[in-house]
Each structure stands twice: as C-alpha cells, then as structure tokens.
N, C-alpha and C. Protein backbone atom coordinates (compact mmCIF):
# COMPACT_ATOMS: atom_id res chain seq x y z
N UNK A 1 270.16 245.00 21.94
CA UNK A 1 270.07 246.33 21.55
C UNK A 1 269.37 247.42 22.00
N UNK A 2 270.18 248.37 23.03
CA UNK A 2 269.24 249.59 23.26
C UNK A 2 269.56 251.08 22.76
N UNK A 3 268.09 250.81 22.53
CA UNK A 3 267.81 252.49 22.11
C UNK A 3 268.14 253.32 22.98
N UNK A 4 268.88 254.52 22.76
CA UNK A 4 269.22 255.92 23.10
C UNK A 4 269.15 257.07 22.60
N UNK A 5 268.75 258.07 23.47
CA UNK A 5 268.50 259.44 22.86
C UNK A 5 267.56 259.93 23.36
N UNK A 6 267.19 260.65 22.32
CA UNK A 6 265.36 261.86 23.48
C UNK A 6 264.53 261.06 22.85
N UNK A 7 264.30 261.24 24.45
CA UNK A 7 262.42 260.79 24.25
C UNK A 7 261.51 261.54 23.36
N UNK A 8 260.92 260.67 22.91
CA UNK A 8 259.87 261.38 21.62
C UNK A 8 258.69 261.77 22.57
N UNK A 9 257.59 262.76 22.56
CA UNK A 9 256.72 262.44 23.27
C UNK A 9 255.53 262.99 22.25
N UNK A 10 254.22 262.35 22.71
CA UNK A 10 253.10 262.30 21.36
C UNK A 10 252.69 263.43 22.02
N UNK A 11 252.05 264.41 20.82
CA UNK A 11 251.40 265.17 21.34
C UNK A 11 249.63 265.14 22.26
N UNK A 12 249.38 265.89 22.96
CA UNK A 12 248.27 265.69 23.86
C UNK A 12 247.03 265.73 23.18
N UNK A 13 247.02 265.96 21.56
CA UNK A 13 245.74 265.95 21.07
C UNK A 13 245.86 264.46 20.48
N UNK A 14 246.21 263.67 20.72
CA UNK A 14 246.08 262.25 20.08
C UNK A 14 246.90 261.95 18.44
N UNK A 15 247.53 262.73 18.51
CA UNK A 15 248.15 262.52 16.72
C UNK A 15 247.05 263.40 15.76
N UNK A 16 246.26 264.22 16.41
CA UNK A 16 245.59 265.14 15.37
C UNK A 16 246.27 266.35 15.36
N UNK A 17 246.59 267.06 14.31
CA UNK A 17 247.19 268.13 14.29
C UNK A 17 246.45 269.15 14.46
N UNK A 18 246.77 270.18 15.02
CA UNK A 18 246.55 271.68 15.20
C UNK A 18 246.58 272.63 14.83
N UNK A 19 247.20 272.75 13.38
CA UNK A 19 248.09 273.60 12.96
C UNK A 19 247.00 274.06 11.89
N UNK A 20 246.00 275.12 11.72
CA UNK A 20 245.02 274.98 11.35
C UNK A 20 245.15 276.07 10.03
N UNK A 21 246.72 276.37 9.95
CA UNK A 21 247.18 277.65 8.81
C UNK A 21 247.05 277.11 7.58
N UNK A 22 247.25 275.66 7.19
CA UNK A 22 246.90 275.28 5.84
C UNK A 22 245.71 275.72 5.68
N UNK A 23 244.36 275.48 6.10
CA UNK A 23 243.22 275.73 5.87
C UNK A 23 242.94 276.69 4.73
N UNK A 24 243.41 278.01 5.00
CA UNK A 24 242.65 279.29 4.56
C UNK A 24 243.66 279.11 3.49
N UNK A 25 244.04 278.58 2.84
CA UNK A 25 244.59 279.20 1.26
C UNK A 25 244.06 278.39 0.24
N UNK A 26 244.35 279.42 -0.78
CA UNK A 26 243.53 278.95 -1.91
C UNK A 26 243.81 278.05 -3.03
N UNK A 27 245.57 278.04 -2.93
CA UNK A 27 245.99 276.70 -3.32
C UNK A 27 245.51 274.85 -2.96
N UNK A 28 245.54 275.15 -1.12
CA UNK A 28 244.96 274.11 -0.65
C UNK A 28 244.05 273.66 -0.61
N UNK A 29 242.90 275.09 -1.00
CA UNK A 29 241.37 274.69 -0.91
C UNK A 29 240.97 273.76 -2.42
N UNK A 30 241.85 274.47 -3.54
CA UNK A 30 241.75 274.14 -4.73
C UNK A 30 242.26 272.55 -4.83
N UNK A 31 243.48 272.06 -4.23
CA UNK A 31 243.85 270.81 -4.03
C UNK A 31 242.97 269.63 -3.61
N UNK A 32 242.46 270.50 -2.29
CA UNK A 32 240.84 269.26 -1.65
C UNK A 32 240.51 269.34 -2.61
N UNK A 33 239.31 270.05 -3.81
CA UNK A 33 238.78 269.78 -4.41
C UNK A 33 239.10 269.01 -5.20
N UNK A 34 240.24 269.19 -5.76
CA UNK A 34 240.52 268.06 -7.00
C UNK A 34 240.57 266.72 -6.40
N UNK A 35 241.00 266.29 -5.11
CA UNK A 35 241.25 265.28 -4.29
C UNK A 35 239.99 264.79 -3.99
N UNK A 36 238.78 265.85 -3.65
CA UNK A 36 237.26 265.23 -3.30
C UNK A 36 236.54 264.63 -4.27
N UNK A 37 237.04 265.10 -5.70
CA UNK A 37 236.58 265.39 -7.28
C UNK A 37 236.92 263.48 -7.19
N UNK A 38 238.03 263.29 -6.80
CA UNK A 38 239.20 262.05 -7.58
C UNK A 38 238.28 260.92 -6.62
N UNK A 39 237.73 261.29 -4.94
CA UNK A 39 237.23 260.20 -4.40
C UNK A 39 235.67 260.07 -5.43
N UNK A 40 235.18 260.83 -5.33
CA UNK A 40 233.99 260.64 -5.72
C UNK A 40 233.47 259.82 -7.09
N UNK A 41 234.51 260.37 -8.09
CA UNK A 41 234.57 259.69 -9.20
C UNK A 41 234.81 258.54 -8.89
N UNK A 42 235.81 258.32 -8.34
CA UNK A 42 236.53 256.77 -8.06
C UNK A 42 234.91 255.55 -7.32
N UNK A 43 234.24 256.46 -6.27
CA UNK A 43 233.07 255.40 -5.91
C UNK A 43 231.92 255.92 -6.83
N UNK A 44 231.97 256.48 -7.68
CA UNK A 44 230.92 256.54 -8.41
C UNK A 44 231.24 255.31 -9.79
N UNK A 45 232.82 255.42 -9.95
CA UNK A 45 232.73 253.94 -10.72
C UNK A 45 232.99 252.58 -10.26
N UNK A 46 233.19 252.65 -9.03
CA UNK A 46 233.10 251.40 -8.01
C UNK A 46 231.63 250.92 -8.46
N UNK A 47 230.44 251.94 -8.13
CA UNK A 47 229.04 251.90 -7.90
C UNK A 47 228.65 251.03 -9.34
N UNK A 48 228.95 251.58 -10.47
CA UNK A 48 228.79 251.41 -11.32
C UNK A 48 229.37 249.96 -12.06
N UNK A 49 230.54 249.54 -11.25
CA UNK A 49 231.36 247.77 -12.21
C UNK A 49 229.90 247.26 -10.77
N UNK A 50 229.73 247.57 -9.65
CA UNK A 50 228.96 246.47 -8.80
C UNK A 50 227.76 246.77 -9.12
N UNK A 51 226.88 247.35 -10.20
CA UNK A 51 225.53 247.33 -10.66
C UNK A 51 225.60 246.24 -12.43
N UNK A 52 226.85 245.63 -12.60
CA UNK A 52 226.68 244.96 -13.76
C UNK A 52 225.83 243.60 -13.91
N UNK A 53 225.08 243.22 -14.98
CA UNK A 53 224.56 242.50 -15.04
C UNK A 53 224.72 241.24 -14.75
N UNK A 54 225.57 240.74 -14.97
CA UNK A 54 225.94 239.32 -15.02
C UNK A 54 227.55 239.00 -14.80
N UNK A 55 228.26 237.89 -13.99
CA UNK A 55 229.51 237.51 -13.82
C UNK A 55 230.08 236.80 -15.59
N UNK A 56 231.27 237.64 -15.32
CA UNK A 56 232.17 237.16 -16.42
C UNK A 56 232.74 235.75 -16.42
N UNK A 57 233.19 235.38 -17.69
CA UNK A 57 233.67 234.16 -17.49
C UNK A 57 234.67 233.69 -16.39
N UNK A 58 235.58 234.80 -16.67
CA UNK A 58 237.10 234.46 -15.97
C UNK A 58 237.21 235.46 -15.18
N UNK A 59 236.43 236.34 -14.59
CA UNK A 59 236.60 237.03 -13.40
C UNK A 59 237.12 236.08 -11.93
N UNK A 60 238.03 237.04 -11.07
CA UNK A 60 238.67 236.08 -10.22
C UNK A 60 238.92 237.69 -9.41
N UNK A 61 239.43 237.02 -8.46
CA UNK A 61 239.62 238.02 -7.26
C UNK A 61 240.85 239.01 -7.90
N UNK A 62 242.07 238.96 -8.42
CA UNK A 62 243.10 239.54 -9.00
C UNK A 62 242.19 240.47 -10.17
N UNK A 63 241.58 239.80 -10.69
CA UNK A 63 241.18 240.91 -11.74
C UNK A 63 240.03 242.15 -11.44
N UNK A 64 239.54 241.67 -10.33
CA UNK A 64 238.45 242.80 -9.42
C UNK A 64 239.78 243.78 -8.70
N UNK A 65 241.05 243.24 -8.53
CA UNK A 65 242.02 244.15 -7.37
C UNK A 65 242.84 245.30 -8.75
N UNK A 66 242.93 244.41 -10.05
CA UNK A 66 243.48 245.51 -11.22
C UNK A 66 242.33 246.47 -11.33
N UNK A 67 241.58 246.17 -11.76
CA UNK A 67 240.27 246.92 -11.90
C UNK A 67 239.92 247.90 -11.19
N UNK A 68 239.71 247.57 -9.70
CA UNK A 68 239.99 248.76 -8.56
C UNK A 68 241.28 249.89 -8.97
N UNK A 69 242.24 249.24 -9.17
CA UNK A 69 243.49 249.81 -9.38
C UNK A 69 243.32 251.09 -10.44
N UNK A 70 242.85 250.42 -11.65
CA UNK A 70 242.86 251.25 -12.50
C UNK A 70 241.81 251.79 -12.53
N UNK A 71 240.60 252.00 -11.86
CA UNK A 71 239.61 253.23 -11.62
C UNK A 71 240.13 253.94 -10.82
N UNK A 72 240.89 253.89 -10.11
CA UNK A 72 241.30 254.89 -8.72
C UNK A 72 242.43 255.56 -9.95
N UNK A 73 242.97 255.22 -10.12
CA UNK A 73 243.92 256.25 -11.47
C UNK A 73 243.38 257.32 -12.44
N UNK A 74 242.15 255.76 -12.98
CA UNK A 74 241.65 257.01 -14.05
C UNK A 74 240.55 257.95 -12.95
N UNK A 75 240.20 257.69 -11.76
CA UNK A 75 239.52 259.09 -11.66
C UNK A 75 240.50 259.98 -11.15
N UNK A 76 241.88 259.86 -10.64
CA UNK A 76 242.38 261.04 -10.12
C UNK A 76 243.17 261.60 -11.57
N UNK A 77 242.85 260.87 -12.54
CA UNK A 77 243.36 261.55 -14.12
C UNK A 77 241.97 262.33 -14.45
N UNK A 78 240.69 261.96 -14.38
CA UNK A 78 239.87 262.50 -14.56
C UNK A 78 239.64 263.62 -13.97
N UNK A 79 239.95 263.73 -12.62
CA UNK A 79 239.28 264.65 -11.50
C UNK A 79 241.04 265.89 -12.28
N UNK A 80 241.72 265.62 -12.54
CA UNK A 80 242.74 266.50 -13.07
C UNK A 80 242.73 266.99 -14.47
N UNK A 81 241.88 265.90 -15.29
CA UNK A 81 242.05 266.92 -16.68
C UNK A 81 240.92 266.67 -17.07
N UNK A 82 239.77 266.21 -17.08
CA UNK A 82 238.30 266.60 -17.46
C UNK A 82 237.31 266.35 -16.33
N UNK A 83 237.49 267.04 -15.45
CA UNK A 83 236.56 267.45 -13.81
C UNK A 83 235.07 267.21 -14.57
N UNK A 84 234.06 266.78 -13.39
CA UNK A 84 232.69 266.71 -13.66
C UNK A 84 232.12 268.16 -13.06
N UNK A 85 233.01 268.70 -12.33
CA UNK A 85 232.45 270.22 -11.92
C UNK A 85 232.46 269.77 -9.98
N UNK A 86 232.26 269.04 -9.48
CA UNK A 86 231.52 268.66 -7.79
C UNK A 86 232.63 269.51 -6.93
N UNK A 87 233.94 269.11 -7.56
CA UNK A 87 235.23 269.20 -6.18
C UNK A 87 234.93 270.93 -6.60
N UNK A 88 235.02 271.65 -8.05
CA UNK A 88 234.84 272.99 -8.10
C UNK A 88 233.98 273.49 -7.20
N UNK A 89 232.56 272.88 -7.32
CA UNK A 89 231.37 273.42 -6.53
C UNK A 89 231.68 272.96 -4.90
N UNK A 90 232.63 272.23 -4.48
CA UNK A 90 232.68 272.25 -3.14
C UNK A 90 233.77 273.40 -3.02
N UNK A 91 235.19 273.35 -3.59
CA UNK A 91 235.92 274.73 -3.27
C UNK A 91 234.96 275.80 -3.63
N UNK A 92 234.41 276.49 -4.19
CA UNK A 92 233.80 277.60 -4.38
C UNK A 92 233.17 277.88 -2.86
N UNK A 93 231.52 276.69 -2.52
CA UNK A 93 230.94 276.57 -1.08
C UNK A 93 232.32 277.42 -0.39
N UNK A 94 232.86 276.51 -0.11
CA UNK A 94 234.13 276.78 1.03
C UNK A 94 234.85 278.02 1.26
N UNK A 95 235.13 278.45 -0.11
CA UNK A 95 235.27 279.55 -0.11
C UNK A 95 234.65 280.99 0.39
N UNK A 96 233.55 280.57 -0.72
CA UNK A 96 232.30 281.75 0.22
C UNK A 96 232.31 281.56 1.84
N UNK A 97 232.40 280.41 2.49
CA UNK A 97 232.04 280.19 3.82
C UNK A 97 232.88 280.74 4.40
N UNK A 98 234.21 280.46 3.88
CA UNK A 98 235.71 281.04 4.67
C UNK A 98 235.63 283.09 4.73
N UNK A 99 235.24 283.45 3.15
CA UNK A 99 235.22 284.78 3.21
C UNK A 99 233.73 285.63 4.36
N UNK A 100 232.85 285.06 3.79
CA UNK A 100 231.59 285.32 5.26
C UNK A 100 231.57 284.89 6.24
N UNK A 101 232.65 284.35 7.08
CA UNK A 101 232.98 284.00 8.52
C UNK A 101 234.34 285.17 8.73
N UNK A 102 234.86 285.51 7.99
CA UNK A 102 235.97 286.65 7.92
C UNK A 102 235.32 287.92 7.92
N UNK A 103 234.72 287.48 6.95
CA UNK A 103 233.67 289.10 7.31
C UNK A 103 232.94 289.35 8.35
N UNK A 104 232.05 288.21 8.98
CA UNK A 104 231.18 288.51 9.76
C UNK A 104 232.36 288.94 11.26
N UNK A 105 233.19 288.12 11.08
CA UNK A 105 234.29 288.77 12.23
C UNK A 105 234.80 289.85 12.62
N UNK A 106 234.73 290.51 10.87
CA UNK A 106 235.59 291.63 11.08
C UNK A 106 234.40 292.81 11.30
N UNK A 107 233.07 292.58 10.91
CA UNK A 107 232.31 293.56 11.38
C UNK A 107 231.81 293.71 12.94
N UNK A 108 231.98 292.40 13.85
CA UNK A 108 231.56 292.24 15.02
C UNK A 108 232.62 292.73 15.61
N UNK A 109 234.04 293.14 14.86
CA UNK A 109 235.07 293.67 15.52
C UNK A 109 235.67 292.66 16.66
N UNK A 110 235.59 291.46 16.33
CA UNK A 110 236.29 290.32 17.10
C UNK A 110 235.50 290.17 18.06
N UNK A 111 234.48 290.70 18.45
CA UNK A 111 234.04 290.53 19.80
C UNK A 111 232.94 289.33 20.01
N UNK A 112 233.11 288.67 20.96
CA UNK A 112 232.04 287.11 20.78
C UNK A 112 230.31 287.88 21.23
N UNK A 113 229.54 287.23 20.36
CA UNK A 113 227.97 287.63 20.36
C UNK A 113 227.55 287.34 22.15
N UNK A 114 226.86 287.84 22.35
CA UNK A 114 225.99 287.56 23.63
C UNK A 114 225.36 286.60 23.80
N UNK A 115 225.41 285.34 24.50
CA UNK A 115 224.38 284.25 24.19
C UNK A 115 223.40 283.86 25.25
N UNK A 116 223.40 285.12 26.36
CA UNK A 116 221.85 285.08 27.11
C UNK A 116 220.86 285.44 26.71
N UNK A 117 221.10 286.07 25.41
CA UNK A 117 219.37 286.39 24.76
C UNK A 117 219.82 288.02 24.94
N UNK A 118 220.14 288.55 25.59
CA UNK A 118 220.25 290.27 25.77
C UNK A 118 220.70 290.70 24.51
N UNK A 119 220.53 291.99 23.97
CA UNK A 119 220.86 292.64 23.06
C UNK A 119 222.11 293.78 23.65
N UNK A 120 222.68 293.97 22.67
CA UNK A 120 223.82 294.80 23.36
C UNK A 120 223.77 296.16 23.38
C-alpha cells in the first residue's frame, strides 16, 4: 500500500503551539481556573484516599481504578458547581497580572527599557 499526497511537515517548534492569542480572553482564563480547580481537588481527594488508616478486606486494583475515575468525575463536578475558590483566586491573579503588564507597556509607549543601567 503506497501513501500519496502532499507531505505534511512538522512545525519547527517541536509540536508546541506558538499561537498566544487564546491566552488573553476572559472566557479562556475562567475555563483554565475551573480546570485548575478540578485538578487541585482531584489531587486533594487522592491524597485523602492515600491517608486511609487500614486496608479494606476486599480491596483490589479494579476497585482502586474505579475509585480514581469516580474521584476525577467528582472533582470536575465540584469545580463546576461548588468550587472551593482556588481556581477563582488563580484567575483573578492572572487577570490582574495581565492588566498590569498591558498598562506598563502602554505607559512605556512600547519602548523596551534600557538594560545597561543608564537612565533615559
């Protein structure tokens, strides 16, 4: 079987996207906050499960895998409907940082600061 057609070339960045336009949107920032909250909650649940005091009589790898999947769904649901607030704190911090960066660039007029220690 021969494959014909145009050759597909890989980007020179090693598969990493260089498109940063998606980073500036408020919706994307909020979605990232929710995903961060879900990941954080999932890690917290895993840590709580590992701290159990004893092994159950009928524990198995299948039960552990099912519990991990259940915890993942639970953490996503908690992040969506009853967040603990760490995702919102991260979102607020990043939006303030982006706003500060934009204001600093506007004040500087887009000129790069001197790096040789001299003052303009």
